[in-house]
Amino acid sequence: MYAVRGAISVKANEEQYIAEATKKLTKSLMQENNLAEADLISIITTATDDLTKLYPGKAIRELGYNSTPILCMQEMKVENSSEKMIRLLVYVEGTKAKTEVKHQYLEKARKLRPDLVK
């Protein structure tokens, strides 16, 4: 088992923007790591407390991920932290080395992990 991380900023606290950002991040994470839903164990999503209009998990379900357990949580509130941010932690069945995993940090989330952004 291994895990893949990702994050993306959201334009505004509206269902449409939360869904678009979540789907973009999920698709990028899956494509860049050559994954299919059958490879997934579970997905944990977090959203900052300023995103209240949609669960990111609902957007992932709209992509067809209906057999994968998804848990949505609120991101811990820390002073001066990033706003309007969605994060994913995807657990994968497999043996890929940590150095081979392609974590995805998109849009303004690129600043969260510049060491992982190419």
N, C-alpha and C. Protein backbone atom coordinates (compact mmCIF):
# COMPACT_ATOMS: atom_id res chain seq x y z
N MET A 1 0.84 -1.17 0.00
CA MET A 1 0.00 0.00 0.00
C MET A 1 0.90 1.24 0.00
N TYR A 2 0.42 2.27 -0.69
CA TYR A 2 1.10 3.56 -0.64
C TYR A 2 0.06 4.67 -0.73
N ALA A 3 0.48 5.91 -0.52
CA ALA A 3 -0.45 7.04 -0.53
C ALA A 3 0.01 8.10 -1.51
N VAL A 4 -0.96 8.80 -2.08
CA VAL A 4 -0.71 9.90 -2.99
C VAL A 4 -1.41 11.13 -2.43
N ARG A 5 -0.70 12.25 -2.40
CA ARG A 5 -1.26 13.50 -1.88
C ARG A 5 -1.51 14.47 -3.01
N GLY A 6 -2.43 15.40 -2.74
CA GLY A 6 -2.68 16.47 -3.68
C GLY A 6 -3.45 17.58 -3.03
N ALA A 7 -3.38 18.76 -3.64
CA ALA A 7 -4.13 19.91 -3.15
C ALA A 7 -4.40 20.85 -4.32
N ILE A 8 -5.47 21.62 -4.17
CA ILE A 8 -5.83 22.60 -5.19
C ILE A 8 -6.57 23.75 -4.52
N SER A 9 -6.37 24.93 -5.04
CA SER A 9 -7.11 26.09 -4.56
C SER A 9 -8.45 26.16 -5.30
N VAL A 10 -9.42 26.79 -4.65
CA VAL A 10 -10.76 26.92 -5.21
C VAL A 10 -11.03 28.41 -5.40
N LYS A 11 -11.60 28.76 -6.54
CA LYS A 11 -11.86 30.15 -6.90
C LYS A 11 -12.79 30.86 -5.92
N ALA A 12 -13.88 30.20 -5.55
CA ALA A 12 -14.87 30.82 -4.65
C ALA A 12 -15.68 29.73 -3.96
N ASN A 13 -16.32 30.08 -2.86
CA ASN A 13 -17.14 29.15 -2.11
C ASN A 13 -18.50 28.97 -2.78
N GLU A 14 -18.47 28.31 -3.93
CA GLU A 14 -19.67 27.99 -4.69
C GLU A 14 -19.57 26.54 -5.14
N GLU A 15 -20.71 25.85 -5.16
CA GLU A 15 -20.73 24.43 -5.53
C GLU A 15 -19.95 24.17 -6.81
N GLN A 16 -20.21 24.98 -7.83
CA GLN A 16 -19.58 24.79 -9.14
C GLN A 16 -18.06 24.80 -9.03
N TYR A 17 -17.50 25.77 -8.31
CA TYR A 17 -16.05 25.90 -8.22
C TYR A 17 -15.43 24.81 -7.36
N ILE A 18 -16.10 24.42 -6.31
CA ILE A 18 -15.60 23.32 -5.47
C ILE A 18 -15.59 22.03 -6.27
N ALA A 19 -16.67 21.77 -7.01
CA ALA A 19 -16.75 20.56 -7.83
C ALA A 19 -15.69 20.56 -8.92
N GLU A 20 -15.54 21.68 -9.62
CA GLU A 20 -14.55 21.77 -10.70
C GLU A 20 -13.13 21.52 -10.18
N ALA A 21 -12.79 22.16 -9.08
CA ALA A 21 -11.44 22.01 -8.53
C ALA A 21 -11.18 20.58 -8.06
N THR A 22 -12.16 20.01 -7.38
CA THR A 22 -12.01 18.64 -6.88
C THR A 22 -11.84 17.66 -8.03
N LYS A 23 -12.64 17.80 -9.06
CA LYS A 23 -12.55 16.91 -10.22
C LYS A 23 -11.21 17.08 -10.94
N LYS A 24 -10.77 18.31 -11.09
CA LYS A 24 -9.48 18.57 -11.75
C LYS A 24 -8.35 17.90 -10.98
N LEU A 25 -8.35 18.07 -9.66
CA LEU A 25 -7.31 17.47 -8.83
C LEU A 25 -7.36 15.95 -8.89
N THR A 26 -8.54 15.38 -8.77
CA THR A 26 -8.70 13.93 -8.80
C THR A 26 -8.22 13.36 -10.13
N LYS A 27 -8.64 13.95 -11.22
CA LYS A 27 -8.24 13.47 -12.55
C LYS A 27 -6.73 13.56 -12.73
N SER A 28 -6.13 14.66 -12.31
CA SER A 28 -4.69 14.83 -12.43
C SER A 28 -3.94 13.79 -11.62
N LEU A 29 -4.37 13.59 -10.39
CA LEU A 29 -3.74 12.62 -9.51
C LEU A 29 -3.81 11.21 -10.10
N MET A 30 -4.99 10.86 -10.62
CA MET A 30 -5.18 9.52 -11.19
C MET A 30 -4.38 9.34 -12.47
N GLN A 31 -4.42 10.33 -13.36
CA GLN A 31 -3.71 10.22 -14.64
C GLN A 31 -2.20 10.20 -14.46
N GLU A 32 -1.67 11.10 -13.65
CA GLU A 32 -0.22 11.20 -13.47
C GLU A 32 0.38 9.97 -12.80
N ASN A 33 -0.45 9.24 -12.05
CA ASN A 33 0.03 8.04 -11.36
C ASN A 33 -0.48 6.75 -12.01
N ASN A 34 -1.10 6.87 -13.18
CA ASN A 34 -1.61 5.72 -13.93
C ASN A 34 -2.49 4.82 -13.05
N LEU A 35 -3.46 5.43 -12.40
CA LEU A 35 -4.34 4.70 -11.49
C LEU A 35 -5.74 4.55 -12.05
N ALA A 36 -6.39 3.48 -11.63
CA ALA A 36 -7.82 3.25 -11.91
C ALA A 36 -8.51 3.10 -10.57
N GLU A 37 -9.82 3.23 -10.56
CA GLU A 37 -10.54 3.12 -9.28
C GLU A 37 -10.26 1.78 -8.61
N ALA A 38 -10.08 0.74 -9.37
CA ALA A 38 -9.81 -0.59 -8.80
C ALA A 38 -8.53 -0.60 -7.96
N ASP A 39 -7.63 0.33 -8.21
CA ASP A 39 -6.37 0.41 -7.46
C ASP A 39 -6.53 1.08 -6.09
N LEU A 40 -7.64 1.79 -5.89
CA LEU A 40 -7.80 2.61 -4.70
C LEU A 40 -8.34 1.83 -3.51
N ILE A 41 -7.82 2.17 -2.35
CA ILE A 41 -8.32 1.62 -1.09
C ILE A 41 -9.34 2.59 -0.51
N SER A 42 -8.96 3.87 -0.39
CA SER A 42 -9.87 4.89 0.13
C SER A 42 -9.30 6.27 -0.18
N ILE A 43 -10.17 7.28 -0.01
CA ILE A 43 -9.77 8.67 -0.22
C ILE A 43 -10.22 9.49 0.98
N ILE A 44 -9.30 10.28 1.51
CA ILE A 44 -9.64 11.25 2.54
C ILE A 44 -9.53 12.63 1.90
N THR A 45 -10.57 13.42 2.05
CA THR A 45 -10.55 14.79 1.55
C THR A 45 -10.63 15.74 2.73
N THR A 46 -9.96 16.88 2.59
CA THR A 46 -10.15 17.95 3.56
C THR A 46 -10.42 19.23 2.78
N ALA A 47 -11.15 20.13 3.42
CA ALA A 47 -11.40 21.44 2.86
C ALA A 47 -11.22 22.47 3.96
N THR A 48 -10.73 23.62 3.60
CA THR A 48 -10.60 24.69 4.59
C THR A 48 -12.00 25.14 5.01
N ASP A 49 -12.08 25.77 6.18
CA ASP A 49 -13.39 26.09 6.75
C ASP A 49 -14.16 27.17 5.99
N ASP A 50 -13.55 27.76 4.97
CA ASP A 50 -14.24 28.75 4.16
C ASP A 50 -14.92 28.13 2.93
N LEU A 51 -14.83 26.82 2.79
CA LEU A 51 -15.52 26.09 1.72
C LEU A 51 -16.65 25.29 2.35
N THR A 52 -17.87 25.77 2.17
CA THR A 52 -19.01 25.18 2.88
C THR A 52 -20.16 24.77 1.97
N LYS A 53 -20.03 24.92 0.67
CA LYS A 53 -21.17 24.71 -0.23
C LYS A 53 -21.27 23.31 -0.80
N LEU A 54 -20.20 22.50 -0.70
CA LEU A 54 -20.23 21.16 -1.28
C LEU A 54 -19.15 20.30 -0.63
N TYR A 55 -19.48 19.05 -0.38
CA TYR A 55 -18.46 18.08 0.05
C TYR A 55 -17.62 17.71 -1.16
N PRO A 56 -16.29 17.75 -1.06
CA PRO A 56 -15.46 17.31 -2.19
C PRO A 56 -15.77 15.86 -2.59
N GLY A 57 -16.13 15.03 -1.64
CA GLY A 57 -16.46 13.64 -1.95
C GLY A 57 -17.61 13.50 -2.94
N LYS A 58 -18.56 14.42 -2.89
CA LYS A 58 -19.67 14.38 -3.84
C LYS A 58 -19.17 14.57 -5.26
N ALA A 59 -18.24 15.48 -5.45
CA ALA A 59 -17.67 15.71 -6.78
C ALA A 59 -16.89 14.49 -7.26
N ILE A 60 -16.19 13.82 -6.35
CA ILE A 60 -15.46 12.60 -6.73
C ILE A 60 -16.44 11.51 -7.13
N ARG A 61 -17.54 11.39 -6.42
CA ARG A 61 -18.59 10.42 -6.79
C ARG A 61 -19.14 10.72 -8.18
N GLU A 62 -19.28 12.00 -8.52
CA GLU A 62 -19.78 12.39 -9.84
C GLU A 62 -18.84 11.95 -10.95
N LEU A 63 -17.57 11.73 -10.63
CA LEU A 63 -16.61 11.20 -11.61
C LEU A 63 -16.77 9.69 -11.79
N GLY A 64 -17.59 9.06 -10.96
CA GLY A 64 -17.84 7.63 -11.08
C GLY A 64 -17.16 6.77 -10.03
N TYR A 65 -16.53 7.38 -9.06
CA TYR A 65 -15.85 6.62 -8.01
C TYR A 65 -16.88 6.21 -6.96
N ASN A 66 -17.63 5.18 -7.28
CA ASN A 66 -18.73 4.76 -6.42
C ASN A 66 -18.39 3.58 -5.52
N SER A 67 -17.27 2.92 -5.76
CA SER A 67 -16.89 1.76 -4.96
C SER A 67 -15.79 2.06 -3.95
N THR A 68 -15.29 3.27 -3.97
CA THR A 68 -14.18 3.66 -3.10
C THR A 68 -14.71 4.42 -1.89
N PRO A 69 -14.35 4.01 -0.67
CA PRO A 69 -14.75 4.78 0.50
C PRO A 69 -14.11 6.17 0.46
N ILE A 70 -14.92 7.19 0.72
CA ILE A 70 -14.45 8.58 0.73
C ILE A 70 -14.88 9.23 2.03
N LEU A 71 -13.94 9.87 2.69
CA LEU A 71 -14.22 10.58 3.94
C LEU A 71 -13.89 12.05 3.73
N CYS A 72 -14.83 12.93 4.06
CA CYS A 72 -14.63 14.37 3.96
C CYS A 72 -14.47 14.96 5.36
N MET A 73 -13.44 15.77 5.50
CA MET A 73 -13.15 16.38 6.80
C MET A 73 -12.81 17.85 6.61
N GLN A 74 -12.90 18.61 7.71
CA GLN A 74 -12.49 20.00 7.67
C GLN A 74 -11.01 20.09 8.02
N GLU A 75 -10.28 20.87 7.24
CA GLU A 75 -8.86 21.09 7.48
C GLU A 75 -8.68 21.83 8.81
N MET A 76 -7.64 21.50 9.53
CA MET A 76 -7.31 22.19 10.77
C MET A 76 -7.09 23.68 10.50
N LYS A 77 -7.63 24.53 11.35
CA LYS A 77 -7.49 25.98 11.21
C LYS A 77 -6.19 26.42 11.88
N VAL A 78 -5.30 27.01 11.07
CA VAL A 78 -4.03 27.50 11.57
C VAL A 78 -3.88 28.96 11.12
N GLU A 79 -3.40 29.81 11.99
CA GLU A 79 -3.22 31.21 11.64
C GLU A 79 -2.39 31.35 10.38
N ASN A 80 -2.80 32.27 9.52
CA ASN A 80 -2.09 32.59 8.28
C ASN A 80 -1.98 31.42 7.31
N SER A 81 -2.88 30.46 7.42
CA SER A 81 -2.83 29.32 6.50
C SER A 81 -3.57 29.67 5.20
N SER A 82 -3.40 28.83 4.22
CA SER A 82 -4.02 29.03 2.91
C SER A 82 -5.54 28.99 3.01
N GLU A 83 -6.19 29.80 2.19
CA GLU A 83 -7.64 29.84 2.15
C GLU A 83 -8.16 29.10 0.92
N LYS A 84 -9.42 28.69 1.00
CA LYS A 84 -10.12 28.03 -0.11
C LYS A 84 -9.26 26.92 -0.74
N MET A 85 -8.95 25.93 0.07
CA MET A 85 -8.06 24.86 -0.35
C MET A 85 -8.70 23.50 -0.11
N ILE A 86 -8.58 22.63 -1.09
CA ILE A 86 -9.01 21.23 -0.97
C ILE A 86 -7.77 20.36 -1.04
N ARG A 87 -7.70 19.37 -0.16
CA ARG A 87 -6.58 18.42 -0.15
C ARG A 87 -7.13 17.00 -0.26
N LEU A 88 -6.37 16.15 -0.93
CA LEU A 88 -6.73 14.73 -1.05
C LEU A 88 -5.58 13.88 -0.53
N LEU A 89 -5.93 12.81 0.14
CA LEU A 89 -4.98 11.77 0.53
C LEU A 89 -5.60 10.47 0.03
N VAL A 90 -4.96 9.88 -0.96
CA VAL A 90 -5.50 8.70 -1.63
C VAL A 90 -4.63 7.49 -1.27
N TYR A 91 -5.25 6.49 -0.69
CA TYR A 91 -4.56 5.25 -0.36
C TYR A 91 -4.72 4.28 -1.52
N VAL A 92 -3.58 3.72 -1.96
CA VAL A 92 -3.54 2.90 -3.16
C VAL A 92 -3.01 1.50 -2.82
N GLU A 93 -3.64 0.50 -3.40
CA GLU A 93 -3.15 -0.88 -3.29
C GLU A 93 -2.03 -1.04 -4.30
N GLY A 94 -0.83 -1.30 -3.82
CA GLY A 94 0.30 -1.45 -4.74
C GLY A 94 1.61 -1.33 -4.01
N THR A 95 2.69 -1.33 -4.78
CA THR A 95 4.03 -1.33 -4.18
C THR A 95 4.93 -0.25 -4.76
N LYS A 96 4.36 0.79 -5.31
CA LYS A 96 5.17 1.87 -5.89
C LYS A 96 6.04 2.50 -4.80
N ALA A 97 7.29 2.75 -5.14
CA ALA A 97 8.21 3.41 -4.20
C ALA A 97 7.78 4.86 -3.98
N LYS A 98 8.01 5.38 -2.81
CA LYS A 98 7.62 6.76 -2.50
C LYS A 98 8.22 7.75 -3.49
N THR A 99 9.41 7.48 -3.97
CA THR A 99 10.07 8.38 -4.91
C THR A 99 9.43 8.34 -6.30
N GLU A 100 8.61 7.35 -6.58
CA GLU A 100 7.94 7.23 -7.88
C GLU A 100 6.55 7.87 -7.89
N VAL A 101 6.01 8.17 -6.73
CA VAL A 101 4.67 8.75 -6.63
C VAL A 101 4.69 10.19 -7.11
N LYS A 102 3.69 10.55 -7.90
CA LYS A 102 3.59 11.90 -8.44
C LYS A 102 2.46 12.65 -7.73
N HIS A 103 2.80 13.27 -6.61
CA HIS A 103 1.84 14.06 -5.87
C HIS A 103 1.44 15.26 -6.73
N GLN A 104 0.21 15.74 -6.54
CA GLN A 104 -0.30 16.82 -7.39
C GLN A 104 -0.68 18.04 -6.55
N TYR A 105 -0.01 19.14 -6.81
CA TYR A 105 -0.31 20.41 -6.15
C TYR A 105 -0.59 21.42 -7.25
N LEU A 106 -1.86 21.81 -7.37
CA LEU A 106 -2.30 22.61 -8.51
C LEU A 106 -2.76 24.00 -8.08
N GLU A 107 -2.72 24.91 -9.05
CA GLU A 107 -3.15 26.29 -8.84
C GLU A 107 -2.35 26.92 -7.70
N LYS A 108 -2.99 27.62 -6.79
CA LYS A 108 -2.29 28.28 -5.69
C LYS A 108 -1.72 27.29 -4.68
N ALA A 109 -2.15 26.04 -4.74
CA ALA A 109 -1.63 25.02 -3.84
C ALA A 109 -0.18 24.66 -4.17
N ARG A 110 0.31 25.08 -5.32
CA ARG A 110 1.70 24.81 -5.69
C ARG A 110 2.66 25.33 -4.62
N LYS A 111 2.28 26.40 -3.95
CA LYS A 111 3.16 27.00 -2.93
C LYS A 111 3.22 26.15 -1.67
N LEU A 112 2.27 25.22 -1.48
CA LEU A 112 2.28 24.38 -0.29
C LEU A 112 3.46 23.41 -0.29
N ARG A 113 3.79 22.88 -1.44
CA ARG A 113 4.87 21.89 -1.55
C ARG A 113 5.70 22.15 -2.81
N PRO A 114 6.42 23.26 -2.84
CA PRO A 114 7.22 23.57 -4.03
C PRO A 114 8.27 22.48 -4.33
N ASP A 115 8.64 21.72 -3.32
CA ASP A 115 9.60 20.63 -3.52
C ASP A 115 9.02 19.49 -4.34
N LEU A 116 7.69 19.40 -4.44
CA LEU A 116 7.04 18.33 -5.18
C LEU A 116 6.46 18.78 -6.52
N VAL A 117 6.49 20.08 -6.79
CA VAL A 117 5.93 20.61 -8.02
C VAL A 117 6.99 20.66 -9.08
N LYS A 118 6.63 20.14 -10.26
CA LYS A 118 7.60 20.15 -11.38
C LYS A 118 7.15 21.08 -12.46
